[in-house]
Amino acid sequence: PLMKKYRDTPWDYNEIKLSARQSWDGADVWTPAELCV
């Protein structure tokens, strides 16, 4: 969301960031190994 909020500032030009979020109930989670793909 910070990429959207500050899209007109120089802050975001050097990074692209994607947030990997687990389910709210905590049953469906990400592992770092999965995220590598």
PDB file of all heavy atoms in Angstrom:
ATOM      1  N   PRO A   1       0.798  -1.234   0.000  1.00  0.00           N
ATOM      2  CA  PRO A   1       0.000   0.000   0.000  1.00  0.00           C
ATOM      3  C   PRO A   1       0.832   1.286   0.000  1.00  0.00           C
ATOM      4  O   PRO A   1       0.383   2.300  -0.509  1.00  0.00           O
ATOM      5  CB  PRO A   1      -0.845  -0.107   1.269  1.00  0.00           C
ATOM      6  CG  PRO A   1      -0.240  -1.186   2.083  1.00  0.00           C
ATOM      7  CD  PRO A   1       0.529  -2.078   1.150  1.00  0.00           C
ATOM      8  N   LEU A   2       2.042   1.264   0.539  1.00  0.00           N
ATOM      9  CA  LEU A   2       2.851   2.481   0.539  1.00  0.00           C
ATOM     10  C   LEU A   2       3.253   2.898  -0.866  1.00  0.00           C
ATOM     11  O   LEU A   2       3.471   4.077  -1.135  1.00  0.00           O
ATOM     12  CB  LEU A   2       4.099   2.320   1.405  1.00  0.00           C
ATOM     13  CG  LEU A   2       3.862   2.327   2.906  1.00  0.00           C
ATOM     14  CD1 LEU A   2       5.175   2.142   3.643  1.00  0.00           C
ATOM     15  CD2 LEU A   2       3.182   3.599   3.355  1.00  0.00           C
ATOM     16  N   MET A   3       3.329   1.944  -1.782  1.00  0.00           N
ATOM     17  CA  MET A   3       3.636   2.302  -3.165  1.00  0.00           C
ATOM     18  C   MET A   3       2.512   3.151  -3.731  1.00  0.00           C
ATOM     19  O   MET A   3       2.738   4.065  -4.509  1.00  0.00           O
ATOM     20  CB  MET A   3       3.830   1.061  -4.036  1.00  0.00           C
ATOM     21  CG  MET A   3       5.136   0.353  -3.786  1.00  0.00           C
ATOM     22  SD  MET A   3       5.446  -0.940  -4.997  1.00  0.00           S
ATOM     23  CE  MET A   3       5.656   0.015  -6.482  1.00  0.00           C
ATOM     24  N   LYS A   4       1.293   2.885  -3.335  1.00  0.00           N
ATOM     25  CA  LYS A   4       0.142   3.653  -3.807  1.00  0.00           C
ATOM     26  C   LYS A   4       0.060   5.010  -3.109  1.00  0.00           C
ATOM     27  O   LYS A   4      -0.120   6.032  -3.725  1.00  0.00           O
ATOM     28  CB  LYS A   4      -1.160   2.902  -3.523  1.00  0.00           C
ATOM     29  CG  LYS A   4      -1.320   1.656  -4.315  1.00  0.00           C
ATOM     30  CD  LYS A   4      -1.599   2.035  -5.723  1.00  0.00           C
ATOM     31  CE  LYS A   4      -2.108   0.854  -6.490  1.00  0.00           C
ATOM     32  NZ  LYS A   4      -2.317   1.178  -7.866  1.00  0.00           N
ATOM     33  N   LYS A   5       0.205   4.992  -1.792  1.00  0.00           N
ATOM     34  CA  LYS A   5       0.021   6.197  -0.998  1.00  0.00           C
ATOM     35  C   LYS A   5       1.015   7.290  -1.383  1.00  0.00           C
ATOM     36  O   LYS A   5       0.672   8.462  -1.424  1.00  0.00           O
ATOM     37  CB  LYS A   5       0.172   5.851   0.479  1.00  0.00           C
ATOM     38  CG  LYS A   5      -0.137   6.998   1.415  1.00  0.00           C
ATOM     39  CD  LYS A   5      -0.091   6.532   2.856  1.00  0.00           C
ATOM     40  CE  LYS A   5      -0.399   7.671   3.791  1.00  0.00           C
ATOM     41  NZ  LYS A   5      -0.268   7.276   5.185  1.00  0.00           N
ATOM     42  N   TYR A   6       2.237   6.906  -1.659  1.00  0.00           N
ATOM     43  CA  TYR A   6       3.279   7.883  -1.919  1.00  0.00           C
ATOM     44  C   TYR A   6       3.794   7.805  -3.352  1.00  0.00           C
ATOM     45  O   TYR A   6       4.947   8.043  -3.611  1.00  0.00           O
ATOM     46  CB  TYR A   6       4.446   7.668  -0.943  1.00  0.00           C
ATOM     47  CG  TYR A   6       4.034   7.809   0.491  1.00  0.00           C
ATOM     48  CD1 TYR A   6       3.985   6.703   1.326  1.00  0.00           C
ATOM     49  CD2 TYR A   6       3.659   9.035   1.002  1.00  0.00           C
ATOM     50  CE1 TYR A   6       3.578   6.822   2.643  1.00  0.00           C
ATOM     51  CE2 TYR A   6       3.248   9.166   2.315  1.00  0.00           C
ATOM     52  CZ  TYR A   6       3.214   8.060   3.133  1.00  0.00           C
ATOM     53  OH  TYR A   6       2.816   8.174   4.425  1.00  0.00           O
ATOM     54  N   ARG A   7       2.930   7.481  -4.281  1.00  0.00           N
ATOM     55  CA  ARG A   7       3.388   7.240  -5.637  1.00  0.00           C
ATOM     56  C   ARG A   7       4.027   8.447  -6.315  1.00  0.00           C
ATOM     57  O   ARG A   7       4.759   8.302  -7.265  1.00  0.00           O
ATOM     58  CB  ARG A   7       2.285   6.676  -6.501  1.00  0.00           C
ATOM     59  CG  ARG A   7       1.216   7.668  -6.856  1.00  0.00           C
ATOM     60  CD  ARG A   7       0.265   7.049  -7.860  1.00  0.00           C
ATOM     61  NE  ARG A   7      -1.035   7.644  -7.660  1.00  0.00           N
ATOM     62  CZ  ARG A   7      -2.149   6.972  -7.649  1.00  0.00           C
ATOM     63  NH1 ARG A   7      -2.136   5.689  -7.818  1.00  0.00           N
ATOM     64  NH2 ARG A   7      -3.282   7.571  -7.475  1.00  0.00           N
ATOM     65  N   ASP A   8       3.761   9.663  -5.850  1.00  0.00           N
ATOM     66  CA  ASP A   8       4.336  10.847  -6.476  1.00  0.00           C
ATOM     67  C   ASP A   8       5.604  11.331  -5.780  1.00  0.00           C
ATOM     68  O   ASP A   8       6.117  12.393  -6.108  1.00  0.00           O
ATOM     69  CB  ASP A   8       3.304  11.979  -6.513  1.00  0.00           C
ATOM     70  CG  ASP A   8       2.111  11.603  -7.390  1.00  0.00           C
ATOM     71  OD1 ASP A   8       2.329  10.879  -8.374  1.00  0.00           O
ATOM     72  OD2 ASP A   8       0.994  12.022  -7.082  1.00  0.00           O
ATOM     73  N   THR A   9       6.089  10.579  -4.813  1.00  0.00           N
ATOM     74  CA  THR A   9       7.305  10.982  -4.109  1.00  0.00           C
ATOM     75  C   THR A   9       8.469  10.109  -4.555  1.00  0.00           C
ATOM     76  O   THR A   9       8.268   8.992  -5.032  1.00  0.00           O
ATOM     77  CB  THR A   9       7.136  10.836  -2.578  1.00  0.00           C
ATOM     78  OG1 THR A   9       6.967   9.461  -2.291  1.00  0.00           O
ATOM     79  CG2 THR A   9       5.950  11.638  -2.069  1.00  0.00           C
ATOM     80  N   PRO A  10       9.696  10.582  -4.398  1.00  0.00           N
ATOM     81  CA  PRO A  10      10.857   9.792  -4.805  1.00  0.00           C
ATOM     82  C   PRO A  10      11.040   8.507  -3.997  1.00  0.00           C
ATOM     83  O   PRO A  10      11.743   7.616  -4.423  1.00  0.00           O
ATOM     84  CB  PRO A  10      12.042  10.727  -4.566  1.00  0.00           C
ATOM     85  CG  PRO A  10      11.466  12.065  -4.330  1.00  0.00           C
ATOM     86  CD  PRO A  10      10.037  11.891  -3.930  1.00  0.00           C
ATOM     87  N   TRP A  11      10.387   8.388  -2.832  1.00  0.00           N
ATOM     88  CA  TRP A  11      10.573   7.238  -1.953  1.00  0.00           C
ATOM     89  C   TRP A  11      10.388   5.913  -2.686  1.00  0.00           C
ATOM     90  O   TRP A  11      11.171   4.996  -2.532  1.00  0.00           O
ATOM     91  CB  TRP A  11       9.595   7.311  -0.783  1.00  0.00           C
ATOM     92  CG  TRP A  11       9.656   6.104   0.097  1.00  0.00           C
ATOM     93  CD1 TRP A  11      10.508   5.882   1.129  1.00  0.00           C
ATOM     94  CD2 TRP A  11       8.861   4.929  -0.009  1.00  0.00           C
ATOM     95  NE1 TRP A  11      10.295   4.654   1.674  1.00  0.00           N
ATOM     96  CE2 TRP A  11       9.289   4.041   1.007  1.00  0.00           C
ATOM     97  CE3 TRP A  11       7.833   4.531  -0.834  1.00  0.00           C
ATOM     98  CZ2 TRP A  11       8.706   2.801   1.190  1.00  0.00           C
ATOM     99  CZ3 TRP A  11       7.264   3.289  -0.653  1.00  0.00           C
ATOM    100  CH2 TRP A  11       7.702   2.447   0.360  1.00  0.00           C
ATOM    101  N   ASP A  12       9.366   5.817  -3.514  1.00  0.00           N
ATOM    102  CA  ASP A  12       9.022   4.525  -4.090  1.00  0.00           C
ATOM    103  C   ASP A  12       9.749   4.203  -5.395  1.00  0.00           C
ATOM    104  O   ASP A  12       9.629   3.110  -5.906  1.00  0.00           O
ATOM    105  CB  ASP A  12       7.511   4.402  -4.299  1.00  0.00           C
ATOM    106  CG  ASP A  12       6.965   5.398  -5.297  1.00  0.00           C
ATOM    107  OD1 ASP A  12       7.755   6.041  -6.006  1.00  0.00           O
ATOM    108  OD2 ASP A  12       5.743   5.529  -5.372  1.00  0.00           O
ATOM    109  N   TYR A  13      10.490   5.125  -5.946  1.00  0.00           N
ATOM    110  CA  TYR A  13      11.090   4.877  -7.246  1.00  0.00           C
ATOM    111  C   TYR A  13      12.170   3.803  -7.239  1.00  0.00           C
ATOM    112  O   TYR A  13      12.451   3.209  -8.261  1.00  0.00           O
ATOM    113  CB  TYR A  13      11.672   6.163  -7.835  1.00  0.00           C
ATOM    114  CG  TYR A  13      10.611   7.068  -8.411  1.00  0.00           C
ATOM    115  CD1 TYR A  13      10.665   8.424  -8.224  1.00  0.00           C
ATOM    116  CD2 TYR A  13       9.557   6.553  -9.148  1.00  0.00           C
ATOM    117  CE1 TYR A  13       9.703   9.260  -8.759  1.00  0.00           C
ATOM    118  CE2 TYR A  13       8.589   7.372  -9.676  1.00  0.00           C
ATOM    119  CZ  TYR A  13       8.672   8.721  -9.481  1.00  0.00           C
ATOM    120  OH  TYR A  13       7.714   9.534 -10.005  1.00  0.00           O
ATOM    121  N   ASN A  14      12.782   3.578  -6.120  1.00  0.00           N
ATOM    122  CA  ASN A  14      13.885   2.617  -6.103  1.00  0.00           C
ATOM    123  C   ASN A  14      13.451   1.223  -5.667  1.00  0.00           C
ATOM    124  O   ASN A  14      14.213   0.284  -5.770  1.00  0.00           O
ATOM    125  CB  ASN A  14      15.009   3.131  -5.204  1.00  0.00           C
ATOM    126  CG  ASN A  14      16.365   2.797  -5.768  1.00  0.00           C
ATOM    127  OD1 ASN A  14      16.527   2.596  -6.961  1.00  0.00           O
ATOM    128  ND2 ASN A  14      17.344   2.713  -4.898  1.00  0.00           N
ATOM    129  N   GLU A  15      12.231   1.086  -5.154  1.00  0.00           N
ATOM    130  CA  GLU A  15      11.766  -0.219  -4.680  1.00  0.00           C
ATOM    131  C   GLU A  15      10.394  -0.567  -5.241  1.00  0.00           C
ATOM    132  O   GLU A  15       9.549   0.306  -5.404  1.00  0.00           O
ATOM    133  CB  GLU A  15      11.666  -0.252  -3.150  1.00  0.00           C
ATOM    134  CG  GLU A  15      12.947  -0.517  -2.465  1.00  0.00           C
ATOM    135  CD  GLU A  15      12.781  -0.818  -0.988  1.00  0.00           C
ATOM    136  OE1 GLU A  15      11.676  -0.681  -0.429  1.00  0.00           O
ATOM    137  OE2 GLU A  15      13.774  -1.201  -0.382  1.00  0.00           O
ATOM    138  N   ILE A  16      10.222  -1.835  -5.474  1.00  0.00           N
ATOM    139  CA  ILE A  16       8.910  -2.412  -5.737  1.00  0.00           C
ATOM    140  C   ILE A  16       8.698  -3.400  -4.604  1.00  0.00           C
ATOM    141  O   ILE A  16       9.550  -4.245  -4.337  1.00  0.00           O
ATOM    142  CB  ILE A  16       8.863  -3.135  -7.101  1.00  0.00           C
ATOM    143  CG1 ILE A  16       9.093  -2.143  -8.233  1.00  0.00           C
ATOM    144  CG2 ILE A  16       7.547  -3.894  -7.262  1.00  0.00           C
ATOM    145  CD1 ILE A  16       9.295  -2.789  -9.585  1.00  0.00           C
ATOM    146  N   LYS A  17       7.578  -3.255  -3.908  1.00  0.00           N
ATOM    147  CA  LYS A  17       7.334  -4.099  -2.738  1.00  0.00           C
ATOM    148  C   LYS A  17       5.967  -4.758  -2.857  1.00  0.00           C
ATOM    149  O   LYS A  17       4.969  -4.090  -3.128  1.00  0.00           O
ATOM    150  CB  LYS A  17       7.410  -3.250  -1.469  1.00  0.00           C
ATOM    151  CG  LYS A  17       7.352  -4.046  -0.194  1.00  0.00           C
ATOM    152  CD  LYS A  17       7.643  -3.148   1.005  1.00  0.00           C
ATOM    153  CE  LYS A  17       7.660  -3.917   2.290  1.00  0.00           C
ATOM    154  NZ  LYS A  17       7.926  -3.046   3.445  1.00  0.00           N
ATOM    155  N   LEU A  18       5.949  -6.072  -2.669  1.00  0.00           N
ATOM    156  CA  LEU A  18       4.723  -6.848  -2.678  1.00  0.00           C
ATOM    157  C   LEU A  18       4.526  -7.444  -1.287  1.00  0.00           C
ATOM    158  O   LEU A  18       5.455  -8.014  -0.723  1.00  0.00           O
ATOM    159  CB  LEU A  18       4.817  -7.972  -3.713  1.00  0.00           C
ATOM    160  CG  LEU A  18       5.184  -7.552  -5.136  1.00  0.00           C
ATOM    161  CD1 LEU A  18       5.405  -8.783  -6.009  1.00  0.00           C
ATOM    162  CD2 LEU A  18       4.112  -6.658  -5.724  1.00  0.00           C
ATOM    163  N   SER A  19       3.337  -7.292  -0.722  1.00  0.00           N
ATOM    164  CA  SER A  19       3.039  -7.809   0.620  1.00  0.00           C
ATOM    165  C   SER A  19       2.388  -9.177   0.521  1.00  0.00           C
ATOM    166  O   SER A  19       1.328  -9.320  -0.095  1.00  0.00           O
ATOM    167  CB  SER A  19       2.102  -6.857   1.364  1.00  0.00           C
ATOM    168  OG  SER A  19       2.729  -5.627   1.599  1.00  0.00           O
ATOM    169  N   ALA A  20       3.024 -10.177   1.117  1.00  0.00           N
ATOM    170  CA  ALA A  20       2.472 -11.534   1.173  1.00  0.00           C
ATOM    171  C   ALA A  20       1.738 -11.667   2.495  1.00  0.00           C
ATOM    172  O   ALA A  20       2.349 -11.664   3.559  1.00  0.00           O
ATOM    173  CB  ALA A  20       3.595 -12.561   1.063  1.00  0.00           C
ATOM    174  N   ARG A  21       0.427 -11.764   2.422  1.00  0.00           N
ATOM    175  CA  ARG A  21      -0.409 -11.761   3.628  1.00  0.00           C
ATOM    176  C   ARG A  21      -1.059 -13.118   3.844  1.00  0.00           C
ATOM    177  O   ARG A  21      -1.614 -13.702   2.913  1.00  0.00           O
ATOM    178  CB  ARG A  21      -1.503 -10.708   3.494  1.00  0.00           C
ATOM    179  CG  ARG A  21      -0.949  -9.313   3.324  1.00  0.00           C
ATOM    180  CD  ARG A  21      -2.051  -8.349   3.094  1.00  0.00           C
ATOM    181  NE  ARG A  21      -1.522  -7.003   2.963  1.00  0.00           N
ATOM    182  CZ  ARG A  21      -2.210  -5.922   3.244  1.00  0.00           C
ATOM    183  NH1 ARG A  21      -3.456  -6.010   3.646  1.00  0.00           N
ATOM    184  NH2 ARG A  21      -1.651  -4.737   3.102  1.00  0.00           N
ATOM    185  N   GLN A  22      -1.018 -13.575   5.070  1.00  0.00           N
ATOM    186  CA  GLN A  22      -1.713 -14.809   5.412  1.00  0.00           C
ATOM    187  C   GLN A  22      -3.200 -14.522   5.548  1.00  0.00           C
ATOM    188  O   GLN A  22      -3.613 -13.360   5.616  1.00  0.00           O
ATOM    189  CB  GLN A  22      -1.174 -15.368   6.718  1.00  0.00           C
ATOM    190  CG  GLN A  22      -1.517 -14.525   7.934  1.00  0.00           C
ATOM    191  CD  GLN A  22      -1.045 -15.174   9.216  1.00  0.00           C
ATOM    192  OE1 GLN A  22      -0.292 -16.114   9.203  1.00  0.00           O
ATOM    193  NE2 GLN A  22      -1.497 -14.657  10.329  1.00  0.00           N
ATOM    194  N   SER A  23      -3.996 -15.570   5.589  1.00  0.00           N
ATOM    195  CA  SER A  23      -5.437 -15.390   5.802  1.00  0.00           C
ATOM    196  C   SER A  23      -5.674 -14.894   7.224  1.00  0.00           C
ATOM    197  O   SER A  23      -4.871 -15.133   8.128  1.00  0.00           O
ATOM    198  CB  SER A  23      -6.181 -16.704   5.579  1.00  0.00           C
ATOM    199  OG  SER A  23      -5.755 -17.681   6.514  1.00  0.00           O
ATOM    200  N   TRP A  24      -6.776 -14.184   7.408  1.00  0.00           N
ATOM    201  CA  TRP A  24      -7.093 -13.647   8.739  1.00  0.00           C
ATOM    202  C   TRP A  24      -7.269 -14.744   9.772  1.00  0.00           C
ATOM    203  O   TRP A  24      -6.939 -14.571  10.937  1.00  0.00           O
ATOM    204  CB  TRP A  24      -8.361 -12.803   8.683  1.00  0.00           C
ATOM    205  CG  TRP A  24      -8.175 -11.469   8.033  1.00  0.00           C
ATOM    206  CD1 TRP A  24      -6.999 -10.931   7.567  1.00  0.00           C
ATOM    207  CD2 TRP A  24      -9.179 -10.519   7.755  1.00  0.00           C
ATOM    208  NE1 TRP A  24      -7.225  -9.703   7.016  1.00  0.00           N
ATOM    209  CE2 TRP A  24      -8.571  -9.420   7.117  1.00  0.00           C
ATOM    210  CE3 TRP A  24     -10.549 -10.475   7.968  1.00  0.00           C
ATOM    211  CZ2 TRP A  24      -9.269  -8.299   6.713  1.00  0.00           C
ATOM    212  CZ3 TRP A  24     -11.240  -9.355   7.556  1.00  0.00           C
ATOM    213  CH2 TRP A  24     -10.614  -8.280   6.939  1.00  0.00           C
ATOM    214  N   ASP A  25      -7.787 -15.895   9.330  1.00  0.00           N
ATOM    215  CA  ASP A  25      -7.984 -16.975  10.301  1.00  0.00           C
ATOM    216  C   ASP A  25      -6.679 -17.716  10.605  1.00  0.00           C
ATOM    217  O   ASP A  25      -6.638 -18.590  11.457  1.00  0.00           O
ATOM    218  CB  ASP A  25      -9.068 -17.945   9.824  1.00  0.00           C
ATOM    219  CG  ASP A  25      -8.690 -18.732   8.574  1.00  0.00           C
ATOM    220  OD1 ASP A  25      -7.528 -18.646   8.107  1.00  0.00           O
ATOM    221  OD2 ASP A  25      -9.579 -19.438   8.042  1.00  0.00           O
ATOM    222  N   GLY A  26      -5.591 -17.369   9.919  1.00  0.00           N
ATOM    223  CA  GLY A  26      -4.286 -17.966  10.198  1.00  0.00           C
ATOM    224  C   GLY A  26      -4.102 -19.376   9.658  1.00  0.00           C
ATOM    225  O   GLY A  26      -3.068 -20.000   9.883  1.00  0.00           O
ATOM    226  N   ALA A  27      -5.080 -19.863   8.914  1.00  0.00           N
ATOM    227  CA  ALA A  27      -4.991 -21.229   8.407  1.00  0.00           C
ATOM    228  C   ALA A  27      -4.215 -21.324   7.086  1.00  0.00           C
ATOM    229  O   ALA A  27      -3.675 -22.374   6.762  1.00  0.00           O
ATOM    230  CB  ALA A  27      -6.399 -21.799   8.222  1.00  0.00           C
ATOM    231  N   ASP A  28      -4.177 -20.234   6.334  1.00  0.00           N
ATOM    232  CA  ASP A  28      -3.526 -20.243   5.012  1.00  0.00           C
ATOM    233  C   ASP A  28      -2.361 -19.253   5.061  1.00  0.00           C
ATOM    234  O   ASP A  28      -2.563 -18.049   4.941  1.00  0.00           O
ATOM    235  CB  ASP A  28      -4.538 -19.859   3.931  1.00  0.00           C
ATOM    236  CG  ASP A  28      -4.108 -20.269   2.538  1.00  0.00           C
ATOM    237  OD1 ASP A  28      -3.101 -20.992   2.399  1.00  0.00           O
ATOM    238  OD2 ASP A  28      -4.788 -19.862   1.579  1.00  0.00           O
ATOM    239  N   VAL A  29      -1.164 -19.782   5.264  1.00  0.00           N
ATOM    240  CA  VAL A  29       0.007 -18.923   5.485  1.00  0.00           C
ATOM    241  C   VAL A  29       1.062 -19.138   4.402  1.00  0.00           C
ATOM    242  O   VAL A  29       1.070 -20.150   3.711  1.00  0.00           O
ATOM    243  CB  VAL A  29       0.635 -19.166   6.880  1.00  0.00           C
ATOM    244  CG1 VAL A  29      -0.354 -18.863   7.984  1.00  0.00           C
ATOM    245  CG2 VAL A  29       1.153 -20.592   7.001  1.00  0.00           C
ATOM    246  N   TRP A  30       1.953 -18.176   4.271  1.00  0.00           N
ATOM    247  CA  TRP A  30       3.084 -18.258   3.359  1.00  0.00           C
ATOM    248  C   TRP A  30       4.322 -18.704   4.121  1.00  0.00           C
ATOM    249  O   TRP A  30       4.470 -18.372   5.288  1.00  0.00           O
ATOM    250  CB  TRP A  30       3.389 -16.884   2.748  1.00  0.00           C
ATOM    251  CG  TRP A  30       2.341 -16.381   1.825  1.00  0.00           C
ATOM    252  CD1 TRP A  30       1.375 -15.468   2.114  1.00  0.00           C
ATOM    253  CD2 TRP A  30       2.155 -16.744   0.465  1.00  0.00           C
ATOM    254  NE1 TRP A  30       0.595 -15.247   1.012  1.00  0.00           N
ATOM    255  CE2 TRP A  30       1.064 -16.014  -0.021  1.00  0.00           C
ATOM    256  CE3 TRP A  30       2.816 -17.615  -0.396  1.00  0.00           C
ATOM    257  CZ2 TRP A  30       0.600 -16.129  -1.327  1.00  0.00           C
ATOM    258  CZ3 TRP A  30       2.359 -17.728  -1.705  1.00  0.00           C
ATOM    259  CH2 TRP A  30       1.271 -16.986  -2.154  1.00  0.00           C
ATOM    260  N   THR A  31       5.192 -19.405   3.442  1.00  0.00           N
ATOM    261  CA  THR A  31       6.517 -19.677   3.989  1.00  0.00           C
ATOM    262  C   THR A  31       7.524 -18.972   3.078  1.00  0.00           C
ATOM    263  O   THR A  31       7.251 -18.768   1.885  1.00  0.00           O
ATOM    264  CB  THR A  31       6.831 -21.182   4.009  1.00  0.00           C
ATOM    265  OG1 THR A  31       6.923 -21.666   2.664  1.00  0.00           O
ATOM    266  CG2 THR A  31       5.778 -21.959   4.805  1.00  0.00           C
ATOM    267  N   PRO A  32       8.682 -18.593   3.612  1.00  0.00           N
ATOM    268  CA  PRO A  32       9.685 -17.955   2.764  1.00  0.00           C
ATOM    269  C   PRO A  32      10.071 -18.818   1.563  1.00  0.00           C
ATOM    270  O   PRO A  32      10.259 -18.300   0.459  1.00  0.00           O
ATOM    271  CB  PRO A  32      10.868 -17.748   3.709  1.00  0.00           C
ATOM    272  CG  PRO A  32      10.237 -17.626   5.066  1.00  0.00           C
ATOM    273  CD  PRO A  32       9.074 -18.590   5.024  1.00  0.00           C
ATOM    274  N   ALA A  33      10.144 -20.135   1.747  1.00  0.00           N
ATOM    275  CA  ALA A  33      10.510 -21.022   0.632  1.00  0.00           C
ATOM    276  C   ALA A  33       9.482 -20.943  -0.493  1.00  0.00           C
ATOM    277  O   ALA A  33       9.841 -20.913  -1.671  1.00  0.00           O
ATOM    278  CB  ALA A  33      10.655 -22.455   1.126  1.00  0.00           C
ATOM    279  N   GLU A  34       8.201 -20.904  -0.145  1.00  0.00           N
ATOM    280  CA  GLU A  34       7.155 -20.782  -1.164  1.00  0.00           C
ATOM    281  C   GLU A  34       7.288 -19.460  -1.919  1.00  0.00           C
ATOM    282  O   GLU A  34       7.126 -19.403  -3.130  1.00  0.00           O
ATOM    283  CB  GLU A  34       5.766 -20.830  -0.529  1.00  0.00           C
ATOM    284  CG  GLU A  34       5.352 -22.177  -0.034  1.00  0.00           C
ATOM    285  CD  GLU A  34       4.037 -22.116   0.708  1.00  0.00           C
ATOM    286  OE1 GLU A  34       3.871 -21.263   1.596  1.00  0.00           O
ATOM    287  OE2 GLU A  34       3.165 -22.945   0.381  1.00  0.00           O
ATOM    288  N   LEU A  35       7.578 -18.406  -1.191  1.00  0.00           N
ATOM    289  CA  LEU A  35       7.640 -17.082  -1.799  1.00  0.00           C
ATOM    290  C   LEU A  35       8.797 -16.923  -2.774  1.00  0.00           C
ATOM    291  O   LEU A  35       8.751 -16.062  -3.654  1.00  0.00           O
ATOM    292  CB  LEU A  35       7.711 -16.006  -0.711  1.00  0.00           C
ATOM    293  CG  LEU A  35       6.414 -15.850   0.082  1.00  0.00           C
ATOM    294  CD1 LEU A  35       6.625 -14.922   1.271  1.00  0.00           C
ATOM    295  CD2 LEU A  35       5.289 -15.341  -0.810  1.00  0.00           C
ATOM    296  N   CYS A  36       9.806 -17.751  -2.652  1.00  0.00           N
ATOM    297  CA  CYS A  36      10.951 -17.661  -3.572  1.00  0.00           C
ATOM    298  C   CYS A  36      10.523 -17.908  -5.015  1.00  0.00           C
ATOM    299  O   CYS A  36      11.029 -17.259  -5.936  1.00  0.00           O
ATOM    300  CB  CYS A  36      12.057 -18.629  -3.159  1.00  0.00           C
ATOM    301  SG  CYS A  36      12.900 -18.106  -1.662  1.00  0.00           S
ATOM    302  N   VAL A  37       9.586 -18.820  -5.242  1.00  0.00           N
ATOM    303  CA  VAL A  37       9.081 -19.084  -6.596  1.00  0.00           C
ATOM    304  C   VAL A  37       8.405 -17.829  -7.144  1.00  0.00           C
ATOM    305  O   VAL A  37       8.630 -17.427  -8.281  1.00  0.00           O
ATOM    306  CB  VAL A  37       8.087 -20.265  -6.586  1.00  0.00           C
ATOM    307  CG1 VAL A  37       7.402 -20.430  -7.929  1.00  0.00           C
ATOM    308  CG2 VAL A  37       8.779 -21.544  -6.163  1.00  0.00           C
TER     309      VAL A  37
END
